[in-house]
C-alpha atoms as a PDB file:
ATOM      1  CA  MET A   1       0.000   0.000   0.000  1.00  0.00           C
ATOM      2  CA  SER A   2       1.414   3.371  -0.954  1.00  0.00           C
ATOM      3  CA  THR A   3       2.295   6.031   1.575  1.00  0.00           C
ATOM      4  CA  VAL A   4      -0.075   8.517  -0.043  1.00  0.00           C
ATOM      5  CA  LEU A   5      -3.023   6.142   0.371  1.00  0.00           C
ATOM      6  CA  ARG A   6      -2.067   5.472   3.977  1.00  0.00           C
ATOM      7  CA  VAL A   7      -1.940   9.204   4.755  1.00  0.00           C
ATOM      8  CA  ILE A   8      -5.273   9.783   3.007  1.00  0.00           C
ATOM      9  CA  LEU A   9      -6.899   6.964   4.983  1.00  0.00           C
ATOM     10  CA  ILE A  10      -5.567   8.268   8.288  1.00  0.00           C
ATOM     11  CA  LEU A  11      -6.652  11.844   7.560  1.00  0.00           C
ATOM     12  CA  ALA A  12     -10.092  10.770   6.359  1.00  0.00           C
ATOM     13  CA  SER A  13     -10.538   8.601   9.445  1.00  0.00           C
ATOM     14  CA  LEU A  14      -9.486  11.365  11.814  1.00  0.00           C
ATOM     15  CA  VAL A  15     -11.777  13.888  10.120  1.00  0.00           C
ATOM     16  CA  THR A  16     -14.637  11.376  10.355  1.00  0.00           C
ATOM     17  CA  CYS A  17     -13.973  10.796  14.056  1.00  0.00           C
ATOM     18  CA  ILE A  18     -13.894  14.522  14.812  1.00  0.00           C
ATOM     19  CA  TYR A  19     -17.033  15.196  12.769  1.00  0.00           C
ATOM     20  CA  ILE A  20     -18.998  12.354  14.370  1.00  0.00           C
ATOM     21  CA  SER A  21     -17.838  13.391  17.850  1.00  0.00           C
ATOM     22  CA  ARG A  22     -19.119  16.934  17.293  1.00  0.00           C
ATOM     23  CA  LYS A  23     -22.439  15.662  15.973  1.00  0.00           C
ATOM     24  CA  LEU A  24     -22.780  13.384  18.997  1.00  0.00           C
ATOM     25  CA  LYS A  25     -22.106  16.256  21.402  1.00  0.00           C
ATOM     26  CA  LYS A  26     -24.826  18.299  19.693  1.00  0.00           C
ATOM     27  CA  ALA A  27     -27.167  15.283  19.911  1.00  0.00           C
ATOM     28  CA  GLN A  28     -27.611  15.214  16.141  1.00  0.00           C
ATOM     29  CA  VAL A  29     -26.535  11.583  15.719  1.00  0.00           C
ATOM     30  CA  ASP A  30     -27.784   8.414  17.364  1.00  0.00           C
ATOM     31  CA  THR A  31     -25.245   6.552  19.486  1.00  0.00           C
ATOM     32  CA  HIS A  32     -25.617   3.388  17.380  1.00  0.00           C
ATOM     33  CA  ASP A  33     -24.690   5.355  14.277  1.00  0.00           C
ATOM     34  CA  THR A  34     -21.769   6.924  16.111  1.00  0.00           C
ATOM     35  CA  ILE A  35     -20.449   3.531  17.142  1.00  0.00           C
ATOM     36  CA  PHE A  36     -20.552   2.320  13.548  1.00  0.00           C
ATOM     37  CA  TRP A  37     -18.663   5.321  12.184  1.00  0.00           C
ATOM     38  CA  LEU A  38     -16.079   5.269  14.967  1.00  0.00           C
ATOM     39  CA  MET A  39     -15.452   1.560  14.421  1.00  0.00           C
ATOM     40  CA  PHE A  40     -15.222   2.153  10.673  1.00  0.00           C
ATOM     41  CA  SER A  41     -12.661   4.899  11.239  1.00  0.00           C
ATOM     42  CA  PHE A  42     -10.736   2.713  13.684  1.00  0.00           C
ATOM     43  CA  VAL A  43     -10.483  -0.118  11.135  1.00  0.00           C
ATOM     44  CA  LEU A  44      -9.235   2.292   8.471  1.00  0.00           C
ATOM     45  CA  ILE A  45      -6.632   3.738  10.846  1.00  0.00           C
ATOM     46  CA  LEU A  46      -5.574   0.237  11.848  1.00  0.00           C
ATOM     47  CA  VAL A  47      -5.171  -0.803   8.211  1.00  0.00           C
ATOM     48  CA  SER A  48      -3.303   2.434   7.452  1.00  0.00           C
ATOM     49  CA  ILE A  49      -0.841   2.118  10.307  1.00  0.00           C
ATOM     50  CA  PHE A  50      -0.349  -1.627   9.910  1.00  0.00           C
ATOM     51  CA  PRO A  51      -0.655  -2.386   6.194  1.00  0.00           C
ATOM     52  CA  GLU A  52       0.586  -5.909   6.881  1.00  0.00           C
ATOM     53  CA  ILE A  53      -2.925  -6.753   8.085  1.00  0.00           C
ATOM     54  CA  ALA A  54      -4.401  -5.834   4.711  1.00  0.00           C
ATOM     55  CA  ASP A  55      -1.518  -7.609   2.915  1.00  0.00           C
ATOM     56  CA  TRP A  56      -2.091 -10.811   4.871  1.00  0.00           C
ATOM     57  CA  LEU A  57      -5.861 -10.643   4.419  1.00  0.00           C
ATOM     58  CA  SER A  58      -5.592  -9.978   0.697  1.00  0.00           C
ATOM     59  CA  MET A  59      -3.217 -12.926   0.266  1.00  0.00           C
ATOM     60  CA  ARG A  60      -5.567 -15.183   2.250  1.00  0.00           C
ATOM     61  CA  LEU A  61      -8.573 -14.175   0.175  1.00  0.00           C
ATOM     62  CA  GLY A  62      -6.666 -14.308  -3.107  1.00  0.00           C
ATOM     63  CA  ILE A  63      -7.069 -10.618  -3.920  1.00  0.00           C
ATOM     64  CA  TYR A  64      -4.360  -9.341  -6.241  1.00  0.00           C
ATOM     65  CA  SER A  65      -3.649  -5.980  -4.636  1.00  0.00           C
ATOM     66  CA  THR A  66      -3.693  -4.711  -1.070  1.00  0.00           C
ATOM     67  CA  VAL A  67      -5.329  -1.490  -2.229  1.00  0.00           C
ATOM     68  CA  ASN A  68      -8.151  -3.515  -3.736  1.00  0.00           C
ATOM     69  CA  MET A  69      -8.527  -5.243  -0.374  1.00  0.00           C
ATOM     70  CA  VAL A  70      -8.809  -1.906   1.423  1.00  0.00           C
ATOM     71  CA  PHE A  71     -11.401  -0.685  -1.056  1.00  0.00           C
ATOM     72  CA  LEU A  72     -13.255  -3.977  -0.704  1.00  0.00           C
ATOM     73  CA  ILE A  73     -13.383  -3.531   3.078  1.00  0.00           C
ATOM     74  CA  ILE A  74     -14.688   0.011   2.667  1.00  0.00           C
ATOM     75  CA  ILE A  75     -17.304  -0.995   0.096  1.00  0.00           C
ATOM     76  CA  PHE A  76     -18.443  -3.951   2.187  1.00  0.00           C
ATOM     77  CA  ALA A  77     -18.794  -1.837   5.341  1.00  0.00           C
ATOM     78  CA  LEU A  78     -20.745   0.857   3.518  1.00  0.00           C
ATOM     79  CA  LEU A  79     -23.040  -1.693   1.843  1.00  0.00           C
ATOM     80  CA  LEU A  80     -23.679  -3.249   5.241  1.00  0.00           C
ATOM     81  CA  ARG A  81     -24.549   0.181   6.614  1.00  0.00           C
ATOM     82  CA  VAL A  82     -26.903   0.905   3.727  1.00  0.00           C
ATOM     83  CA  PHE A  83     -28.629  -2.424   4.294  1.00  0.00           C
ATOM     84  CA  LEU A  84     -29.079  -1.731   8.006  1.00  0.00           C
ATOM     85  CA  LEU A  85     -30.418   1.755   7.260  1.00  0.00           C
ATOM     86  CA  THR A  86     -32.872   0.281   4.748  1.00  0.00           C
ATOM     87  CA  ILE A  87     -34.201  -2.025   7.442  1.00  0.00           C
ATOM     88  CA  LYS A  88     -34.502   0.888   9.865  1.00  0.00           C
ATOM     89  CA  ILE A  89     -36.355   3.003   7.283  1.00  0.00           C
ATOM     90  CA  SER A  90     -38.788   0.172   6.562  1.00  0.00           C
ATOM     91  CA  GLN A  91     -39.547  -0.205  10.255  1.00  0.00           C
ATOM     92  CA  MET A  92     -40.065   3.538  10.646  1.00  0.00           C
ATOM     93  CA  GLU A  93     -42.379   3.695   7.616  1.00  0.00           C
ATOM     94  CA  HIS A  94     -44.442   0.899   9.141  1.00  0.00           C
ATOM     95  CA  ARG A  95     -44.646   2.765  12.460  1.00  0.00           C
ATOM     96  CA  VAL A  96     -45.647   5.982  10.692  1.00  0.00           C
ATOM     97  CA  SER A  97     -48.464   4.248   8.819  1.00  0.00           C
ATOM     98  CA  ILE A  98     -49.764   2.755  12.074  1.00  0.00           C
ATOM     99  CA  LEU A  99     -49.604   6.168  13.772  1.00  0.00           C
ATOM    100  CA  VAL A 100     -51.437   7.830  10.888  1.00  0.00           C
ATOM    101  CA  GLU A 101     -54.188   5.212  11.066  1.00  0.00           C
ATOM    102  CA  GLU A 102     -54.547   5.648  14.835  1.00  0.00           C
ATOM    103  CA  LEU A 103     -54.631   9.427  14.468  1.00  0.00           C
ATOM    104  CA  ALA A 104     -57.342   9.214  11.811  1.00  0.00           C
ATOM    105  CA  ILE A 105     -59.441   6.975  14.050  1.00  0.00           C
ATOM    106  CA  ARG A 106     -59.023   9.322  17.010  1.00  0.00           C
ATOM    107  CA  GLU A 107     -59.930  12.375  14.926  1.00  0.00           C
ATOM    108  CA  LYS A 108     -63.025  10.606  13.645  1.00  0.00           C
ATOM    109  CA  ASP A 109     -64.038   9.689  17.191  1.00  0.00           C
ATOM    110  CA  SER A 110     -63.422  13.219  18.438  1.00  0.00           C
ATOM    111  CA  ARG A 111     -65.533  14.675  15.603  1.00  0.00           C
ATOM    112  CA  LYS A 112     -68.369  12.335  16.479  1.00  0.00           C
ATOM    113  CA  ALA A 113     -68.083  13.326  20.127  1.00  0.00           C
ATOM    114  CA  LYS A 114     -68.145  17.043  19.224  1.00  0.00           C
ATOM    115  CA  GLN A 115     -71.187  16.557  17.001  1.00  0.00           C
ATOM    116  CA  LYS A 116     -73.030  14.796  19.806  1.00  0.00           C
ATOM    117  CA  LYS A 117     -72.170  17.573  22.240  1.00  0.00           C
ATOM    118  CA  TRP A 118     -73.531  20.207  19.884  1.00  0.00           C
ATOM    119  CA  ILE A 119     -76.713  18.301  19.140  1.00  0.00           C
ATOM    120  CA  ARG A 120     -77.708  17.754  22.755  1.00  0.00           C
ATOM    121  CA  PRO A 121     -77.749  21.425  23.827  1.00  0.00           C
ATOM    122  CA  GLU A 122     -79.789  22.291  20.751  1.00  0.00           C
ATOM    123  CA  MET A 123     -82.257  19.606  21.634  1.00  0.00           C
ATOM    124  CA  LYS A 124     -82.582  21.017  25.131  1.00  0.00           C
ATOM    125  CA  ILE A 125     -83.106  24.468  23.701  1.00  0.00           C
ATOM    126  CA  LEU A 126     -85.772  23.100  21.407  1.00  0.00           C
ATOM    127  CA  ASP A 127     -87.404  21.317  24.325  1.00  0.00           C
ATOM    128  CA  LEU A 128     -87.398  24.542  26.355  1.00  0.00           C
ATOM    129  CA  LYS A 129     -88.929  26.492  23.484  1.00  0.00           C
ATOM    130  CA  GLU A 130     -91.617  23.865  23.089  1.00  0.00           C
ATOM    131  CA  GLN A 131     -92.327  23.985  26.809  1.00  0.00           C
ATOM    132  CA  GLN A 132     -92.517  27.781  26.712  1.00  0.00           C
ATOM    133  CA  THR A 133     -94.942  27.715  23.820  1.00  0.00           C
ATOM    134  CA  GLU A 134     -97.003  25.086  25.610  1.00  0.00           C
ATOM    135  CA  HIS A 135     -97.066  27.207  28.782  1.00  0.00           C
ATOM    136  CA  SER A 136     -97.977  30.351  26.892  1.00  0.00           C
ATOM    137  CA  GLU A 137    -100.812  28.561  25.105  1.00  0.00           C
ATOM    138  CA  LYS A 138    -102.250  27.353  28.402  1.00  0.00           C
END
């Protein structure tokens, strides 16, 4: 692995760690997401500082170049993250649809309750008017 690539990986990892740490302090990122990105950065720093790990792994897996192995690790980690986010989005969409249905049912019930409240006083007023007309006729 070339020195330039190693320096780029270390710098990118450090920038990622700093950025994620700031977002976590501002409570803009979930802790599970923070753990993933910090672990991802740690693996990249580890591979950058000790390129022998990537060399050994690439030889074991039969990958021609160590750089290809590093890119493969990065691509695999990001695809895994995308898959996990897709699952999370699906679960949230399901929860939102359930909440919308419950809200619609509650609004319908509250409208019915309001209509009943408005009808009853009118009926009493009508009853009073009828009683007054009955009394005045007598």
